[in-house]
């Protein structure tokens, strides 16, 4: 999922997915905002649709990380819920997430902040981005860390 090529229909489906995900699976606290994720994204859209799409991608990546240790039964239950709502299932979102990870890995270079956080999440958490908790091989971890370091260096250099 790259915001440069994300269709408006995919973006719409992701907003529905996020609303359901946050309503059903995110614990509520007294400080939890009343706004749904789609309402927050619509506020961003007023200034920049591309920034809203990028925000949706980043939130989707966070949501995928939160489900990394879910059992197959939990995933199936969530898939049914999302499917009934007429949006992408958790499994479909995970597949897109994994595909993006593989693209970045194959390319060998992180090109955006969204890709950076995707790779950072793989290195710090789940492993391979598919939610099954499998860690990448040591040589893959090393390659990912080199990519992260290069992106961080480039970002720091661009700020100066």
C-alpha atoms as a PDB file:
ATOM      1  CA  UNK A   1       0.000   0.000   0.000  1.00  0.00           C
ATOM      2  CA  UNK A   2       1.673   3.104  -1.187  1.00  0.00           C
ATOM      3  CA  UNK A   3      -0.150   6.403  -0.758  1.00  0.00           C
ATOM      4  CA  UNK A   4       1.083   7.524  -4.174  1.00  0.00           C
ATOM      5  CA  UNK A   5      -0.900   4.761  -5.848  1.00  0.00           C
ATOM      6  CA  UNK A   6      -3.640   4.111  -3.278  1.00  0.00           C
ATOM      7  CA  UNK A   7      -6.963   4.430  -5.044  1.00  0.00           C
ATOM      8  CA  UNK A   8      -9.733   6.445  -3.474  1.00  0.00           C
ATOM      9  CA  UNK A   9     -11.841   3.277  -3.215  1.00  0.00           C
ATOM     10  CA  UNK A  10      -9.056   1.468  -1.295  1.00  0.00           C
ATOM     11  CA  UNK A  11      -8.692   4.496   0.953  1.00  0.00           C
ATOM     12  CA  UNK A  12     -12.449   4.467   1.605  1.00  0.00           C
ATOM     13  CA  UNK A  13     -12.314   0.753   2.509  1.00  0.00           C
ATOM     14  CA  UNK A  14      -9.381   1.364   4.848  1.00  0.00           C
ATOM     15  CA  UNK A  15     -11.305   4.099   6.651  1.00  0.00           C
ATOM     16  CA  UNK A  16     -14.178   1.664   7.239  1.00  0.00           C
ATOM     17  CA  UNK A  17     -11.702  -1.000   8.371  1.00  0.00           C
ATOM     18  CA  UNK A  18     -10.069   1.418  10.824  1.00  0.00           C
ATOM     19  CA  UNK A  19     -13.390   2.562  12.290  1.00  0.00           C
ATOM     20  CA  UNK A  20     -14.434  -1.035  12.951  1.00  0.00           C
ATOM     21  CA  UNK A  21     -10.982  -2.038  14.210  1.00  0.00           C
ATOM     22  CA  UNK A  22     -10.800   0.845  16.674  1.00  0.00           C
ATOM     23  CA  UNK A  23     -14.399   0.398  17.844  1.00  0.00           C
ATOM     24  CA  UNK A  24     -14.052  -3.333  18.391  1.00  0.00           C
ATOM     25  CA  UNK A  25     -10.408  -3.996  19.268  1.00  0.00           C
ATOM     26  CA  UNK A  26      -8.874  -0.882  20.836  1.00  0.00           C
ATOM     27  CA  UNK A  27      -9.434  -0.430  24.584  1.00  0.00           C
ATOM     28  CA  UNK A  28     -11.230   2.780  25.501  1.00  0.00           C
ATOM     29  CA  UNK A  29      -9.870   5.089  28.187  1.00  0.00           C
ATOM     30  CA  UNK A  30     -11.231   8.344  29.632  1.00  0.00           C
ATOM     31  CA  UNK A  31      -8.777  10.198  27.386  1.00  0.00           C
ATOM     32  CA  UNK A  32      -9.769   8.315  24.207  1.00  0.00           C
ATOM     33  CA  UNK A  33     -11.034  10.859  21.651  1.00  0.00           C
ATOM     34  CA  UNK A  34     -14.678  10.625  20.592  1.00  0.00           C
ATOM     35  CA  UNK A  35     -13.715  10.932  16.930  1.00  0.00           C
ATOM     36  CA  UNK A  36     -13.639   7.824  14.786  1.00  0.00           C
ATOM     37  CA  UNK A  37     -10.446   7.330  12.754  1.00  0.00           C
ATOM     38  CA  UNK A  38     -12.381   8.167   9.569  1.00  0.00           C
ATOM     39  CA  UNK A  39     -13.474  11.497  11.060  1.00  0.00           C
ATOM     40  CA  UNK A  40      -9.899  12.320  12.008  1.00  0.00           C
ATOM     41  CA  UNK A  41      -8.709  11.391   8.500  1.00  0.00           C
ATOM     42  CA  UNK A  42     -11.470  13.502   6.944  1.00  0.00           C
ATOM     43  CA  UNK A  43     -10.149  16.506   8.865  1.00  0.00           C
ATOM     44  CA  UNK A  44      -6.701  15.867   7.370  1.00  0.00           C
ATOM     45  CA  UNK A  45      -8.274  15.430   3.905  1.00  0.00           C
ATOM     46  CA  UNK A  46      -9.459  19.053   4.047  1.00  0.00           C
ATOM     47  CA  UNK A  47      -5.819  20.095   3.792  1.00  0.00           C
ATOM     48  CA  UNK A  48      -4.246  17.172   1.946  1.00  0.00           C
ATOM     49  CA  UNK A  49      -5.742  13.916   0.689  1.00  0.00           C
ATOM     50  CA  UNK A  50      -2.258  12.445   0.223  1.00  0.00           C
ATOM     51  CA  UNK A  51      -1.386  13.168   3.863  1.00  0.00           C
ATOM     52  CA  UNK A  52      -4.648  11.555   4.954  1.00  0.00           C
ATOM     53  CA  UNK A  53      -3.854   8.456   2.882  1.00  0.00           C
ATOM     54  CA  UNK A  54      -0.362   8.330   4.363  1.00  0.00           C
ATOM     55  CA  UNK A  55      -1.869   8.592   7.850  1.00  0.00           C
ATOM     56  CA  UNK A  56      -4.258   5.756   7.042  1.00  0.00           C
ATOM     57  CA  UNK A  57      -1.335   3.594   5.906  1.00  0.00           C
ATOM     58  CA  UNK A  58       0.598   4.277   9.077  1.00  0.00           C
ATOM     59  CA  UNK A  59      -2.427   3.497  11.223  1.00  0.00           C
ATOM     60  CA  UNK A  60      -3.055   0.286   9.289  1.00  0.00           C
ATOM     61  CA  UNK A  61       0.545  -0.756   9.920  1.00  0.00           C
ATOM     62  CA  UNK A  62       0.069  -0.111  13.646  1.00  0.00           C
ATOM     63  CA  UNK A  63      -3.174  -2.104  13.606  1.00  0.00           C
ATOM     64  CA  UNK A  64      -1.437  -5.027  11.946  1.00  0.00           C
ATOM     65  CA  UNK A  65       1.283  -4.971  14.596  1.00  0.00           C
ATOM     66  CA  UNK A  66      -1.376  -5.053  17.326  1.00  0.00           C
ATOM     67  CA  UNK A  67      -2.816  -8.246  15.834  1.00  0.00           C
ATOM     68  CA  UNK A  68       0.509 -10.006  15.324  1.00  0.00           C
ATOM     69  CA  UNK A  69      -0.063 -12.532  18.091  1.00  0.00           C
ATOM     70  CA  UNK A  70      -3.716 -13.267  17.354  1.00  0.00           C
ATOM     71  CA  UNK A  71      -4.711 -16.897  16.988  1.00  0.00           C
ATOM     72  CA  UNK A  72      -6.139 -18.152  13.678  1.00  0.00           C
ATOM     73  CA  UNK A  73      -9.563 -18.231  15.359  1.00  0.00           C
ATOM     74  CA  UNK A  74      -9.301 -14.576  16.383  1.00  0.00           C
ATOM     75  CA  UNK A  75      -8.255 -13.606  12.859  1.00  0.00           C
ATOM     76  CA  UNK A  76     -11.141 -15.605  11.370  1.00  0.00           C
ATOM     77  CA  UNK A  77     -13.586 -13.858  13.716  1.00  0.00           C
ATOM     78  CA  UNK A  78     -12.232 -10.461  12.757  1.00  0.00           C
ATOM     79  CA  UNK A  79     -12.317 -11.388   9.060  1.00  0.00           C
ATOM     80  CA  UNK A  80     -15.992 -12.275   9.368  1.00  0.00           C
ATOM     81  CA  UNK A  81     -16.741  -8.977  11.113  1.00  0.00           C
ATOM     82  CA  UNK A  82     -14.936  -6.902   8.489  1.00  0.00           C
ATOM     83  CA  UNK A  83     -16.435  -8.908   5.632  1.00  0.00           C
ATOM     84  CA  UNK A  84     -19.962  -8.359   6.984  1.00  0.00           C
ATOM     85  CA  UNK A  85     -19.232  -4.631   7.027  1.00  0.00           C
ATOM     86  CA  UNK A  86     -18.240  -4.763   3.356  1.00  0.00           C
ATOM     87  CA  UNK A  87     -14.637  -3.779   3.835  1.00  0.00           C
ATOM     88  CA  UNK A  88     -11.226  -5.435   3.591  1.00  0.00           C
ATOM     89  CA  UNK A  89     -10.689  -8.320   5.987  1.00  0.00           C
ATOM     90  CA  UNK A  90      -7.808  -8.424   8.431  1.00  0.00           C
ATOM     91  CA  UNK A  91      -6.255 -11.187   6.332  1.00  0.00           C
ATOM     92  CA  UNK A  92      -6.454  -9.023   3.186  1.00  0.00           C
ATOM     93  CA  UNK A  93      -4.912  -6.073   5.003  1.00  0.00           C
ATOM     94  CA  UNK A  94      -2.144  -8.324   6.335  1.00  0.00           C
ATOM     95  CA  UNK A  95      -1.427  -9.630   2.833  1.00  0.00           C
ATOM     96  CA  UNK A  96      -1.074  -6.099   1.517  1.00  0.00           C
ATOM     97  CA  UNK A  97       1.163  -5.217   4.450  1.00  0.00           C
ATOM     98  CA  UNK A  98       3.356  -8.247   3.787  1.00  0.00           C
ATOM     99  CA  UNK A  99       3.514  -7.502   0.089  1.00  0.00           C
ATOM    100  CA  UNK A 100       4.780  -3.985   0.830  1.00  0.00           C
ATOM    101  CA  UNK A 101       7.392  -5.401   3.165  1.00  0.00           C
ATOM    102  CA  UNK A 102       8.606  -7.788   0.463  1.00  0.00           C
ATOM    103  CA  UNK A 103       8.770  -4.955  -2.072  1.00  0.00           C
ATOM    104  CA  UNK A 104      10.931  -2.853   0.245  1.00  0.00           C
ATOM    105  CA  UNK A 105      13.106  -5.840   1.096  1.00  0.00           C
ATOM    106  CA  UNK A 106      13.604  -6.684  -2.585  1.00  0.00           C
ATOM    107  CA  UNK A 107      14.365  -3.079  -3.463  1.00  0.00           C
ATOM    108  CA  UNK A 108      16.835  -2.815  -0.595  1.00  0.00           C
ATOM    109  CA  UNK A 109      15.967   0.795   0.137  1.00  0.00           C
ATOM    110  CA  UNK A 110      13.406   2.593   2.277  1.00  0.00           C
ATOM    111  CA  UNK A 111      11.843   5.456   0.319  1.00  0.00           C
ATOM    112  CA  UNK A 112       9.219   6.896   2.661  1.00  0.00           C
ATOM    113  CA  UNK A 113       8.305   7.379   6.283  1.00  0.00           C
ATOM    114  CA  UNK A 114       5.533   4.778   5.908  1.00  0.00           C
ATOM    115  CA  UNK A 115       8.062   2.232   4.650  1.00  0.00           C
ATOM    116  CA  UNK A 116      10.409   3.211   7.461  1.00  0.00           C
ATOM    117  CA  UNK A 117       7.805   2.440  10.127  1.00  0.00           C
ATOM    118  CA  UNK A 118       6.831  -0.779   8.390  1.00  0.00           C
ATOM    119  CA  UNK A 119      10.446  -2.008   8.452  1.00  0.00           C
ATOM    120  CA  UNK A 120      10.995  -0.648  11.962  1.00  0.00           C
ATOM    121  CA  UNK A 121       7.956  -2.675  13.073  1.00  0.00           C
ATOM    122  CA  UNK A 122       9.349  -5.818  11.469  1.00  0.00           C
ATOM    123  CA  UNK A 123      12.734  -5.377  13.135  1.00  0.00           C
ATOM    124  CA  UNK A 124      11.270  -4.453  16.516  1.00  0.00           C
ATOM    125  CA  UNK A 125       8.267  -6.733  16.601  1.00  0.00           C
ATOM    126  CA  UNK A 126       6.506  -9.330  14.543  1.00  0.00           C
ATOM    127  CA  UNK A 127       9.376 -10.367  12.350  1.00  0.00           C
ATOM    128  CA  UNK A 128       8.141 -10.610   8.802  1.00  0.00           C
ATOM    129  CA  UNK A 129       5.021  -8.480   8.780  1.00  0.00           C
ATOM    130  CA  UNK A 130       2.571 -11.318   8.197  1.00  0.00           C
ATOM    131  CA  UNK A 131       1.370 -11.582  11.751  1.00  0.00           C
ATOM    132  CA  UNK A 132       2.597 -15.091  12.448  1.00  0.00           C
ATOM    133  CA  UNK A 133       5.368 -14.060  14.828  1.00  0.00           C
ATOM    134  CA  UNK A 134       8.175 -15.600  12.754  1.00  0.00           C
ATOM    135  CA  UNK A 135      11.439 -13.725  13.049  1.00  0.00           C
ATOM    136  CA  UNK A 136      13.446 -13.029   9.898  1.00  0.00           C
ATOM    137  CA  UNK A 137      16.713 -14.825   9.354  1.00  0.00           C
ATOM    138  CA  UNK A 138      19.788 -13.091  10.853  1.00  0.00           C
ATOM    139  CA  UNK A 139      21.064 -11.987   7.426  1.00  0.00           C
ATOM    140  CA  UNK A 140      17.656 -10.452   6.658  1.00  0.00           C
ATOM    141  CA  UNK A 141      17.667  -8.658  10.014  1.00  0.00           C
ATOM    142  CA  UNK A 142      21.096  -7.276   9.190  1.00  0.00           C
ATOM    143  CA  UNK A 143      19.911  -6.068   5.763  1.00  0.00           C
ATOM    144  CA  UNK A 144      16.844  -4.436   7.323  1.00  0.00           C
ATOM    145  CA  UNK A 145      18.945  -2.679   9.940  1.00  0.00           C
ATOM    146  CA  UNK A 146      21.287  -1.339   7.245  1.00  0.00           C
ATOM    147  CA  UNK A 147      18.245  -0.018   5.368  1.00  0.00           C
ATOM    148  CA  UNK A 148      16.882   1.626   8.528  1.00  0.00           C
ATOM    149  CA  UNK A 149      20.248   3.203   9.320  1.00  0.00           C
ATOM    150  CA  UNK A 150      20.549   4.568   5.772  1.00  0.00           C
ATOM    151  CA  UNK A 151      17.049   6.061   5.858  1.00  0.00           C
ATOM    152  CA  UNK A 152      17.649   7.615   9.297  1.00  0.00           C
ATOM    153  CA  UNK A 153      20.953   9.088   8.104  1.00  0.00           C
ATOM    154  CA  UNK A 154      19.303  10.491   4.959  1.00  0.00           C
ATOM    155  CA  UNK A 155      16.431  11.952   6.999  1.00  0.00           C
ATOM    156  CA  UNK A 156      18.804  13.541   9.495  1.00  0.00           C
ATOM    157  CA  UNK A 157      20.905  14.981   6.666  1.00  0.00           C
ATOM    158  CA  UNK A 158      17.776  16.446   5.006  1.00  0.00           C
ATOM    159  CA  UNK A 159      16.777  18.199   8.266  1.00  0.00           C
ATOM    160  CA  UNK A 160      20.084  20.052   8.487  1.00  0.00           C
END
